[in-house]
Amino acid sequence: MKLVAILTASALAALSLSAAATASPGLPDMSGDEAAALAVYAVPDLISATKQTCADRLSPNGFLARHGDSLADRYAAEQDAVWPQARAAMFKFAGAKAGDKLKEFATLPDKTIRPLADALIQQEVARKIHPGSCRNIERMAQAISPLEPEEAGTILSVLFDFASAGDQLVAGLENHSAKP
């Protein structure tokens, strides 16, 4: 599902946890809790990438322009807490694509991996944001803003579990598009 994709996959590369609403070969074998940790971890980079990529598509008075930095800061404050599960999820996500090439990288200390992961997340998210999605990403950020990061993570965990199980409810949502 594109929402789970944009919020989760970003988190390793994407918090675009690559958009598939059905039991998709594109979803890595990870738990909903790992996917949620990855999403929570990646939100600051997702916001930064969205503001950069969508600068000419979003209002200078819109939610991200006015409140994006404070929302990113709230999620950044949770990064240390979610890092262990987010790290595991990142390696599962990346391992599905890179295979054995990742083994050496996985042995590096966190102080080395985290800055690299942050740079990859931001780069991948920026690369994957479709210009037509800018407004919906801003709307999602605004929708989750009243929630604590842990609460948003729980919702994302459930959505990921639905998507990875091929749940019909989520599959039906794949074709739903919100009106601007």
N, C-alpha and C. Protein backbone atom coordinates (compact mmCIF):
# COMPACT_ATOMS: atom_id res chain seq x y z
N MET A 1 0.85 -1.15 0.00
CA MET A 1 0.00 0.00 0.00
C MET A 1 0.90 1.22 0.00
N LYS A 2 0.56 2.21 -0.77
CA LYS A 2 1.44 3.35 -0.96
C LYS A 2 1.71 4.09 0.33
N LEU A 3 0.73 4.13 1.24
CA LEU A 3 0.92 4.81 2.50
C LEU A 3 1.94 4.09 3.35
N VAL A 4 1.78 2.81 3.46
CA VAL A 4 2.74 2.03 4.22
C VAL A 4 4.08 2.14 3.52
N ALA A 5 4.06 2.14 2.22
CA ALA A 5 5.28 2.27 1.46
C ALA A 5 5.96 3.55 1.79
N ILE A 6 5.26 4.65 1.71
CA ILE A 6 5.90 5.92 1.92
C ILE A 6 6.36 6.06 3.35
N LEU A 7 5.61 5.57 4.30
CA LEU A 7 6.05 5.73 5.66
C LEU A 7 7.04 4.68 6.10
N THR A 8 6.93 3.52 5.64
CA THR A 8 7.82 2.52 6.17
C THR A 8 9.05 2.34 5.35
N ALA A 9 8.93 2.19 4.12
CA ALA A 9 10.11 1.90 3.33
C ALA A 9 11.08 3.00 3.38
N SER A 10 10.65 4.13 3.58
CA SER A 10 11.59 5.20 3.73
C SER A 10 12.60 4.73 4.67
N ALA A 11 12.11 4.08 5.58
CA ALA A 11 13.02 3.64 6.55
C ALA A 11 14.00 2.69 6.02
N LEU A 12 14.24 2.27 5.07
CA LEU A 12 15.55 1.89 4.63
C LEU A 12 15.48 1.93 3.20
N ALA A 13 15.52 2.92 3.04
CA ALA A 13 15.53 3.42 1.77
C ALA A 13 14.21 3.76 1.51
N ALA A 14 13.45 3.79 2.12
CA ALA A 14 12.35 4.28 1.58
C ALA A 14 11.26 4.79 2.33
N LEU A 15 11.16 4.57 3.35
CA LEU A 15 9.98 4.80 4.12
C LEU A 15 8.91 5.04 3.17
N SER A 16 9.07 4.32 2.26
CA SER A 16 8.18 4.00 1.20
C SER A 16 8.07 2.55 1.29
N LEU A 17 7.84 1.93 2.30
CA LEU A 17 7.94 0.48 2.43
C LEU A 17 7.16 -0.11 1.32
N SER A 18 7.67 -0.11 0.34
CA SER A 18 7.30 -0.37 -1.00
C SER A 18 5.96 -0.96 -1.24
N ALA A 19 5.20 -0.21 -1.45
CA ALA A 19 3.84 -0.18 -1.76
C ALA A 19 3.19 -1.37 -2.35
N ALA A 20 2.88 -2.28 -1.55
CA ALA A 20 2.10 -3.37 -2.07
C ALA A 20 1.09 -3.70 -1.03
N ALA A 21 -0.13 -3.74 -1.38
CA ALA A 21 -1.16 -3.97 -0.39
C ALA A 21 -1.49 -5.43 -0.23
N THR A 22 -1.04 -6.24 -1.09
CA THR A 22 -1.33 -7.66 -0.96
C THR A 22 -0.07 -8.38 -0.54
N ALA A 23 -0.18 -9.63 -0.19
CA ALA A 23 1.00 -10.40 0.19
C ALA A 23 1.94 -10.33 -0.96
N SER A 24 2.79 -9.42 -0.89
CA SER A 24 3.56 -9.06 -2.04
C SER A 24 4.96 -9.54 -1.91
N PRO A 25 5.54 -10.01 -3.01
CA PRO A 25 6.92 -10.40 -2.96
C PRO A 25 7.82 -9.20 -2.67
N GLY A 26 7.30 -7.98 -2.78
CA GLY A 26 8.09 -6.80 -2.52
C GLY A 26 8.23 -6.48 -1.04
N LEU A 27 7.41 -7.09 -0.18
CA LEU A 27 7.50 -6.82 1.24
C LEU A 27 8.50 -7.78 1.87
N PRO A 28 9.50 -7.25 2.57
CA PRO A 28 10.48 -8.12 3.21
C PRO A 28 9.86 -8.91 4.36
N ASP A 29 10.52 -9.96 4.73
CA ASP A 29 10.05 -10.81 5.82
C ASP A 29 10.46 -10.18 7.15
N MET A 30 9.60 -9.32 7.65
CA MET A 30 9.85 -8.69 8.94
C MET A 30 8.53 -8.59 9.68
N SER A 31 8.63 -8.37 10.96
CA SER A 31 7.41 -8.23 11.76
C SER A 31 6.84 -6.82 11.60
N GLY A 32 5.58 -6.69 11.95
CA GLY A 32 4.96 -5.37 11.93
C GLY A 32 5.65 -4.42 12.89
N ASP A 33 6.12 -4.95 14.02
CA ASP A 33 6.83 -4.10 14.98
C ASP A 33 8.15 -3.59 14.40
N GLU A 34 8.85 -4.43 13.64
CA GLU A 34 10.08 -3.98 13.00
C GLU A 34 9.78 -2.93 11.94
N ALA A 35 8.73 -3.16 11.17
CA ALA A 35 8.35 -2.19 10.14
C ALA A 35 7.96 -0.86 10.79
N ALA A 36 7.25 -0.93 11.91
CA ALA A 36 6.85 0.29 12.61
C ALA A 36 8.07 1.03 13.15
N ALA A 37 9.02 0.30 13.72
CA ALA A 37 10.24 0.93 14.23
C ALA A 37 10.99 1.61 13.09
N LEU A 38 11.05 0.94 11.95
CA LEU A 38 11.71 1.50 10.79
C LEU A 38 11.00 2.78 10.34
N ALA A 39 9.70 2.75 10.33
CA ALA A 39 8.93 3.93 9.93
C ALA A 39 9.14 5.08 10.89
N VAL A 40 9.04 4.80 12.18
CA VAL A 40 9.24 5.86 13.18
C VAL A 40 10.65 6.42 13.05
N TYR A 41 11.62 5.55 12.88
CA TYR A 41 13.01 5.99 12.74
C TYR A 41 13.18 6.90 11.52
N ALA A 42 12.48 6.58 10.45
CA ALA A 42 12.68 7.27 9.18
C ALA A 42 11.89 8.56 9.02
N VAL A 43 10.92 8.82 9.88
CA VAL A 43 10.07 10.00 9.70
C VAL A 43 10.87 11.30 9.57
N PRO A 44 11.88 11.56 10.38
CA PRO A 44 12.61 12.82 10.19
C PRO A 44 13.22 12.94 8.79
N ASP A 45 13.78 11.85 8.29
CA ASP A 45 14.35 11.89 6.94
C ASP A 45 13.26 11.99 5.87
N LEU A 46 12.13 11.35 6.11
CA LEU A 46 11.01 11.45 5.18
C LEU A 46 10.52 12.89 5.08
N ILE A 47 10.39 13.55 6.22
CA ILE A 47 9.94 14.95 6.21
C ILE A 47 10.95 15.83 5.50
N SER A 48 12.20 15.65 5.81
CA SER A 48 13.25 16.45 5.16
C SER A 48 13.26 16.22 3.65
N ALA A 49 13.19 14.96 3.23
CA ALA A 49 13.20 14.65 1.80
C ALA A 49 11.96 15.20 1.11
N THR A 50 10.82 15.12 1.78
CA THR A 50 9.58 15.63 1.19
C THR A 50 9.65 17.14 1.04
N LYS A 51 10.12 17.83 2.07
CA LYS A 51 10.23 19.29 1.98
C LYS A 51 11.17 19.69 0.84
N GLN A 52 12.23 18.95 0.68
CA GLN A 52 13.19 19.27 -0.38
C GLN A 52 12.63 18.92 -1.76
N THR A 53 12.11 17.72 -1.91
CA THR A 53 11.64 17.25 -3.20
C THR A 53 10.36 17.98 -3.64
N CYS A 54 9.53 18.33 -2.69
CA CYS A 54 8.22 18.90 -3.01
C CYS A 54 8.15 20.41 -2.80
N ALA A 55 9.27 21.06 -2.65
CA ALA A 55 9.29 22.50 -2.33
C ALA A 55 8.42 23.33 -3.28
N ASP A 56 8.44 22.98 -4.55
CA ASP A 56 7.67 23.76 -5.52
C ASP A 56 6.22 23.29 -5.66
N ARG A 57 5.84 22.26 -4.93
CA ARG A 57 4.49 21.72 -5.03
C ARG A 57 3.65 21.94 -3.78
N LEU A 58 4.30 22.34 -2.70
CA LEU A 58 3.58 22.53 -1.44
C LEU A 58 3.55 24.01 -1.08
N SER A 59 2.51 24.38 -0.40
CA SER A 59 2.34 25.77 0.00
C SER A 59 3.39 26.18 1.03
N PRO A 60 3.92 27.38 0.90
CA PRO A 60 4.86 27.86 1.91
C PRO A 60 4.17 28.08 3.26
N ASN A 61 2.85 28.04 3.26
CA ASN A 61 2.07 28.16 4.49
C ASN A 61 1.45 26.83 4.89
N GLY A 62 1.81 25.75 4.20
CA GLY A 62 1.24 24.45 4.48
C GLY A 62 1.78 23.81 5.75
N PHE A 63 1.25 22.65 6.08
CA PHE A 63 1.61 21.97 7.31
C PHE A 63 3.11 21.70 7.42
N LEU A 64 3.71 21.16 6.39
CA LEU A 64 5.14 20.84 6.48
C LEU A 64 6.00 22.09 6.62
N ALA A 65 5.62 23.15 5.95
CA ALA A 65 6.38 24.39 6.07
C ALA A 65 6.28 24.97 7.49
N ARG A 66 5.11 24.86 8.08
CA ARG A 66 4.90 25.45 9.39
C ARG A 66 5.25 24.52 10.55
N HIS A 67 5.01 23.21 10.38
CA HIS A 67 5.14 22.29 11.51
C HIS A 67 6.02 21.07 11.22
N GLY A 68 6.55 20.98 10.02
CA GLY A 68 7.35 19.81 9.66
C GLY A 68 8.57 19.61 10.54
N ASP A 69 9.28 20.69 10.84
CA ASP A 69 10.49 20.55 11.66
C ASP A 69 10.16 20.07 13.08
N SER A 70 9.09 20.58 13.66
CA SER A 70 8.75 20.14 15.03
C SER A 70 8.27 18.69 15.02
N LEU A 71 7.55 18.28 13.98
CA LEU A 71 7.14 16.87 13.87
C LEU A 71 8.37 15.98 13.70
N ALA A 72 9.29 16.38 12.86
CA ALA A 72 10.53 15.62 12.66
C ALA A 72 11.31 15.52 13.97
N ASP A 73 11.35 16.60 14.74
CA ASP A 73 12.06 16.59 16.02
C ASP A 73 11.44 15.61 17.01
N ARG A 74 10.11 15.53 17.04
CA ARG A 74 9.43 14.58 17.94
C ARG A 74 9.81 13.15 17.60
N TYR A 75 9.87 12.84 16.32
CA TYR A 75 10.24 11.48 15.90
C TYR A 75 11.74 11.25 16.09
N ALA A 76 12.54 12.27 15.87
CA ALA A 76 13.99 12.13 16.07
C ALA A 76 14.29 11.80 17.53
N ALA A 77 13.49 12.33 18.45
CA ALA A 77 13.68 12.04 19.87
C ALA A 77 13.45 10.56 20.19
N GLU A 78 12.76 9.84 19.32
CA GLU A 78 12.47 8.41 19.52
C GLU A 78 13.46 7.50 18.79
N GLN A 79 14.33 8.06 17.99
CA GLN A 79 15.20 7.23 17.15
C GLN A 79 16.09 6.29 17.96
N ASP A 80 16.66 6.74 19.05
CA ASP A 80 17.50 5.85 19.84
C ASP A 80 16.71 4.66 20.37
N ALA A 81 15.48 4.91 20.81
CA ALA A 81 14.65 3.84 21.36
C ALA A 81 14.25 2.80 20.31
N VAL A 82 13.96 3.25 19.09
CA VAL A 82 13.51 2.30 18.06
C VAL A 82 14.65 1.74 17.23
N TRP A 83 15.86 2.28 17.41
CA TRP A 83 16.99 1.88 16.58
C TRP A 83 17.22 0.36 16.51
N PRO A 84 17.23 -0.37 17.62
CA PRO A 84 17.52 -1.81 17.50
C PRO A 84 16.57 -2.54 16.54
N GLN A 85 15.27 -2.29 16.67
CA GLN A 85 14.32 -2.94 15.76
C GLN A 85 14.40 -2.33 14.36
N ALA A 86 14.61 -1.03 14.28
CA ALA A 86 14.73 -0.39 12.96
C ALA A 86 15.96 -0.94 12.23
N ARG A 87 17.04 -1.13 12.95
CA ARG A 87 18.27 -1.68 12.36
C ARG A 87 18.01 -3.07 11.79
N ALA A 88 17.36 -3.90 12.60
CA ALA A 88 17.05 -5.26 12.14
C ALA A 88 16.17 -5.20 10.89
N ALA A 89 15.18 -4.31 10.91
CA ALA A 89 14.29 -4.18 9.75
C ALA A 89 15.03 -3.69 8.52
N MET A 90 15.96 -2.74 8.72
CA MET A 90 16.73 -2.22 7.59
C MET A 90 17.53 -3.33 6.93
N PHE A 91 18.14 -4.17 7.74
CA PHE A 91 18.94 -5.25 7.16
C PHE A 91 18.06 -6.28 6.48
N LYS A 92 16.88 -6.52 6.99
CA LYS A 92 15.96 -7.43 6.32
C LYS A 92 15.49 -6.83 5.00
N PHE A 93 15.16 -5.55 5.04
CA PHE A 93 14.70 -4.86 3.84
C PHE A 93 15.81 -4.83 2.79
N ALA A 94 16.99 -4.40 3.21
CA ALA A 94 18.12 -4.31 2.28
C ALA A 94 18.61 -5.69 1.86
N GLY A 95 18.55 -6.66 2.77
CA GLY A 95 18.99 -8.01 2.46
C GLY A 95 18.19 -8.66 1.36
N ALA A 96 16.92 -8.30 1.27
CA ALA A 96 16.08 -8.83 0.21
C ALA A 96 16.58 -8.37 -1.15
N LYS A 97 17.27 -7.25 -1.18
CA LYS A 97 17.78 -6.71 -2.43
C LYS A 97 19.27 -6.97 -2.64
N ALA A 98 20.04 -6.93 -1.54
CA ALA A 98 21.50 -7.00 -1.67
C ALA A 98 22.07 -8.38 -1.37
N GLY A 99 21.35 -9.21 -0.64
CA GLY A 99 21.82 -10.55 -0.33
C GLY A 99 23.08 -10.55 0.51
N ASP A 100 24.04 -11.37 0.13
CA ASP A 100 25.26 -11.57 0.92
C ASP A 100 26.16 -10.35 0.99
N LYS A 101 25.99 -9.42 0.10
CA LYS A 101 26.83 -8.22 0.10
C LYS A 101 26.68 -7.44 1.40
N LEU A 102 25.62 -7.69 2.13
CA LEU A 102 25.33 -6.94 3.33
C LEU A 102 26.02 -7.47 4.57
N LYS A 103 26.53 -8.69 4.51
CA LYS A 103 27.09 -9.32 5.72
C LYS A 103 28.20 -8.49 6.35
N GLU A 104 29.12 -7.98 5.57
CA GLU A 104 30.20 -7.17 6.12
C GLU A 104 29.67 -5.87 6.71
N PHE A 105 28.74 -5.26 6.03
CA PHE A 105 28.16 -4.01 6.50
C PHE A 105 27.47 -4.22 7.86
N ALA A 106 26.83 -5.38 8.03
CA ALA A 106 26.11 -5.68 9.26
C ALA A 106 27.02 -5.79 10.47
N THR A 107 28.30 -6.02 10.25
CA THR A 107 29.24 -6.15 11.37
C THR A 107 29.77 -4.80 11.85
N LEU A 108 29.48 -3.75 11.13
CA LEU A 108 29.95 -2.42 11.52
C LEU A 108 29.22 -1.95 12.78
N PRO A 109 29.87 -1.12 13.58
CA PRO A 109 29.20 -0.59 14.78
C PRO A 109 28.09 0.40 14.42
N ASP A 110 27.16 0.52 15.32
CA ASP A 110 26.03 1.43 15.10
C ASP A 110 26.46 2.86 14.80
N LYS A 111 27.53 3.31 15.45
CA LYS A 111 27.96 4.70 15.22
C LYS A 111 28.40 4.91 13.77
N THR A 112 28.72 3.84 13.08
CA THR A 112 29.07 3.91 11.66
C THR A 112 27.84 3.71 10.79
N ILE A 113 27.00 2.76 11.17
CA ILE A 113 25.84 2.40 10.36
C ILE A 113 24.76 3.49 10.36
N ARG A 114 24.49 4.06 11.51
CA ARG A 114 23.37 5.02 11.60
C ARG A 114 23.51 6.20 10.65
N PRO A 115 24.65 6.88 10.59
CA PRO A 115 24.73 8.01 9.65
C PRO A 115 24.57 7.55 8.20
N LEU A 116 25.09 6.38 7.89
CA LEU A 116 24.92 5.85 6.53
C LEU A 116 23.46 5.52 6.26
N ALA A 117 22.82 4.91 7.23
CA ALA A 117 21.39 4.57 7.08
C ALA A 117 20.56 5.85 6.90
N ASP A 118 20.86 6.87 7.69
CA ASP A 118 20.12 8.13 7.58
C ASP A 118 20.28 8.73 6.18
N ALA A 119 21.51 8.73 5.68
CA ALA A 119 21.75 9.28 4.34
C ALA A 119 21.03 8.46 3.28
N LEU A 120 21.06 7.13 3.41
CA LEU A 120 20.37 6.27 2.45
C LEU A 120 18.87 6.49 2.48
N ILE A 121 18.33 6.58 3.68
CA ILE A 121 16.88 6.79 3.80
C ILE A 121 16.49 8.07 3.08
N GLN A 122 17.17 9.15 3.41
CA GLN A 122 16.80 10.44 2.81
C GLN A 122 16.97 10.40 1.29
N GLN A 123 18.06 9.82 0.83
CA GLN A 123 18.31 9.75 -0.61
C GLN A 123 17.26 8.90 -1.31
N GLU A 124 16.95 7.75 -0.75
CA GLU A 124 15.98 6.85 -1.38
C GLU A 124 14.58 7.43 -1.35
N VAL A 125 14.22 8.05 -0.23
CA VAL A 125 12.89 8.64 -0.14
C VAL A 125 12.76 9.76 -1.16
N ALA A 126 13.74 10.62 -1.22
CA ALA A 126 13.70 11.74 -2.18
C ALA A 126 13.58 11.21 -3.60
N ARG A 127 14.29 10.14 -3.89
CA ARG A 127 14.28 9.56 -5.23
C ARG A 127 12.93 8.92 -5.56
N LYS A 128 12.24 8.40 -4.55
CA LYS A 128 11.00 7.67 -4.80
C LYS A 128 9.73 8.51 -4.69
N ILE A 129 9.86 9.72 -4.22
CA ILE A 129 8.67 10.56 -4.09
C ILE A 129 8.22 11.00 -5.47
N HIS A 130 7.04 10.60 -5.81
CA HIS A 130 6.44 11.04 -7.07
C HIS A 130 5.85 12.43 -6.83
N PRO A 131 6.09 13.37 -7.73
CA PRO A 131 5.58 14.73 -7.51
C PRO A 131 4.09 14.79 -7.21
N GLY A 132 3.33 13.88 -7.78
CA GLY A 132 1.89 13.86 -7.51
C GLY A 132 1.54 13.39 -6.11
N SER A 133 2.52 12.84 -5.38
CA SER A 133 2.29 12.36 -4.03
C SER A 133 2.59 13.39 -2.95
N CYS A 134 3.17 14.51 -3.34
CA CYS A 134 3.60 15.50 -2.35
C CYS A 134 2.48 15.92 -1.41
N ARG A 135 1.37 16.25 -1.95
CA ARG A 135 0.25 16.72 -1.12
C ARG A 135 -0.24 15.62 -0.19
N ASN A 136 -0.31 14.38 -0.67
CA ASN A 136 -0.76 13.28 0.18
C ASN A 136 0.24 12.99 1.30
N ILE A 137 1.52 13.13 1.03
CA ILE A 137 2.52 12.94 2.08
C ILE A 137 2.33 14.02 3.15
N GLU A 138 2.11 15.26 2.70
CA GLU A 138 1.87 16.34 3.65
C GLU A 138 0.61 16.07 4.46
N ARG A 139 -0.43 15.59 3.82
CA ARG A 139 -1.67 15.27 4.52
C ARG A 139 -1.45 14.17 5.54
N MET A 140 -0.65 13.14 5.19
CA MET A 140 -0.37 12.06 6.12
C MET A 140 0.41 12.59 7.32
N ALA A 141 1.41 13.43 7.06
CA ALA A 141 2.18 14.01 8.16
C ALA A 141 1.26 14.79 9.10
N GLN A 142 0.35 15.56 8.53
CA GLN A 142 -0.58 16.32 9.35
C GLN A 142 -1.51 15.38 10.12
N ALA A 143 -1.95 14.30 9.49
CA ALA A 143 -2.85 13.36 10.15
C ALA A 143 -2.19 12.65 11.33
N ILE A 144 -0.91 12.33 11.21
CA ILE A 144 -0.25 11.63 12.32
C ILE A 144 0.30 12.59 13.38
N SER A 145 0.33 13.88 13.06
CA SER A 145 0.97 14.84 13.97
C SER A 145 0.37 14.86 15.38
N PRO A 146 -0.94 14.67 15.56
CA PRO A 146 -1.44 14.68 16.94
C PRO A 146 -1.06 13.42 17.73
N LEU A 147 -0.67 12.38 17.03
CA LEU A 147 -0.32 11.12 17.68
C LEU A 147 1.11 11.14 18.18
N GLU A 148 1.33 10.44 19.27
CA GLU A 148 2.70 10.21 19.71
C GLU A 148 3.35 9.24 18.73
N PRO A 149 4.65 9.33 18.52
CA PRO A 149 5.33 8.42 17.59
C PRO A 149 5.03 6.94 17.87
N GLU A 150 4.95 6.57 19.14
CA GLU A 150 4.65 5.19 19.49
C GLU A 150 3.27 4.78 18.98
N GLU A 151 2.28 5.68 19.10
CA GLU A 151 0.93 5.39 18.62
C GLU A 151 0.91 5.26 17.10
N ALA A 152 1.58 6.18 16.42
CA ALA A 152 1.66 6.11 14.96
C ALA A 152 2.35 4.81 14.55
N GLY A 153 3.39 4.44 15.27
CA GLY A 153 4.10 3.19 14.99
C GLY A 153 3.19 1.98 15.13
N THR A 154 2.34 1.98 16.14
CA THR A 154 1.40 0.87 16.33
C THR A 154 0.45 0.77 15.13
N ILE A 155 -0.06 1.90 14.68
CA ILE A 155 -0.95 1.89 13.52
C ILE A 155 -0.20 1.36 12.29
N LEU A 156 1.02 1.83 12.09
CA LEU A 156 1.81 1.35 10.95
C LEU A 156 2.11 -0.13 11.06
N SER A 157 2.33 -0.61 12.27
CA SER A 157 2.58 -2.03 12.50
C SER A 157 1.38 -2.87 12.05
N VAL A 158 0.21 -2.43 12.44
CA VAL A 158 -1.01 -3.15 12.05
C VAL A 158 -1.20 -3.10 10.53
N LEU A 159 -0.99 -1.93 9.92
CA LEU A 159 -1.12 -1.82 8.47
C LEU A 159 -0.13 -2.72 7.76
N PHE A 160 1.10 -2.77 8.25
CA PHE A 160 2.11 -3.63 7.65
C PHE A 160 1.69 -5.10 7.77
N ASP A 161 1.21 -5.49 8.96
CA ASP A 161 0.77 -6.88 9.14
C ASP A 161 -0.38 -7.21 8.20
N PHE A 162 -1.32 -6.28 8.02
CA PHE A 162 -2.40 -6.48 7.05
C PHE A 162 -1.82 -6.68 5.65
N ALA A 163 -0.95 -5.77 5.27
CA ALA A 163 -0.38 -5.80 3.91
C ALA A 163 0.42 -7.06 3.67
N SER A 164 1.24 -7.45 4.62
CA SER A 164 2.09 -8.62 4.41
C SER A 164 1.29 -9.91 4.43
N ALA A 165 0.11 -9.88 5.03
CA ALA A 165 -0.75 -11.06 5.03
C ALA A 165 -1.69 -11.08 3.83
N GLY A 166 -1.65 -10.04 3.03
CA GLY A 166 -2.53 -9.98 1.86
C GLY A 166 -3.97 -9.73 2.25
N ASP A 167 -4.19 -9.05 3.35
CA ASP A 167 -5.52 -8.80 3.85
C ASP A 167 -6.37 -8.08 2.81
N GLN A 168 -7.59 -8.51 2.65
CA GLN A 168 -8.49 -7.95 1.65
C GLN A 168 -8.85 -6.49 1.94
N LEU A 169 -8.92 -6.12 3.22
CA LEU A 169 -9.22 -4.73 3.56
C LEU A 169 -8.15 -3.82 2.99
N VAL A 170 -6.89 -4.17 3.21
CA VAL A 170 -5.80 -3.35 2.72
C VAL A 170 -5.74 -3.40 1.20
N ALA A 171 -5.98 -4.58 0.63
CA ALA A 171 -5.97 -4.70 -0.82
C ALA A 171 -7.01 -3.77 -1.43
N GLY A 172 -8.18 -3.64 -0.79
CA GLY A 172 -9.21 -2.74 -1.27
C GLY A 172 -8.80 -1.28 -1.17
N LEU A 173 -8.00 -0.96 -0.16
CA LEU A 173 -7.55 0.42 0.03
C LEU A 173 -6.52 0.84 -1.02
N GLU A 174 -5.85 -0.14 -1.63
CA GLU A 174 -4.81 0.17 -2.61
C GLU A 174 -5.35 1.02 -3.74
N ASN A 175 -6.59 0.79 -4.12
CA ASN A 175 -7.18 1.52 -5.24
C ASN A 175 -7.91 2.77 -4.81
N HIS A 176 -7.95 3.05 -3.52
CA HIS A 176 -8.62 4.22 -3.01
C HIS A 176 -7.70 5.43 -3.10
N SER A 177 -8.19 6.49 -3.63
CA SER A 177 -7.37 7.70 -3.61
C SER A 177 -8.17 8.80 -2.95
N ALA A 178 -7.52 9.47 -2.03
CA ALA A 178 -8.19 10.56 -1.31
C ALA A 178 -8.36 11.76 -2.23
N LYS A 179 -9.43 12.47 -2.00
CA LYS A 179 -9.68 13.69 -2.77
C LYS A 179 -8.86 14.82 -2.19
N PRO A 180 -8.25 15.64 -3.04
CA PRO A 180 -7.43 16.75 -2.53
C PRO A 180 -8.22 17.75 -1.74
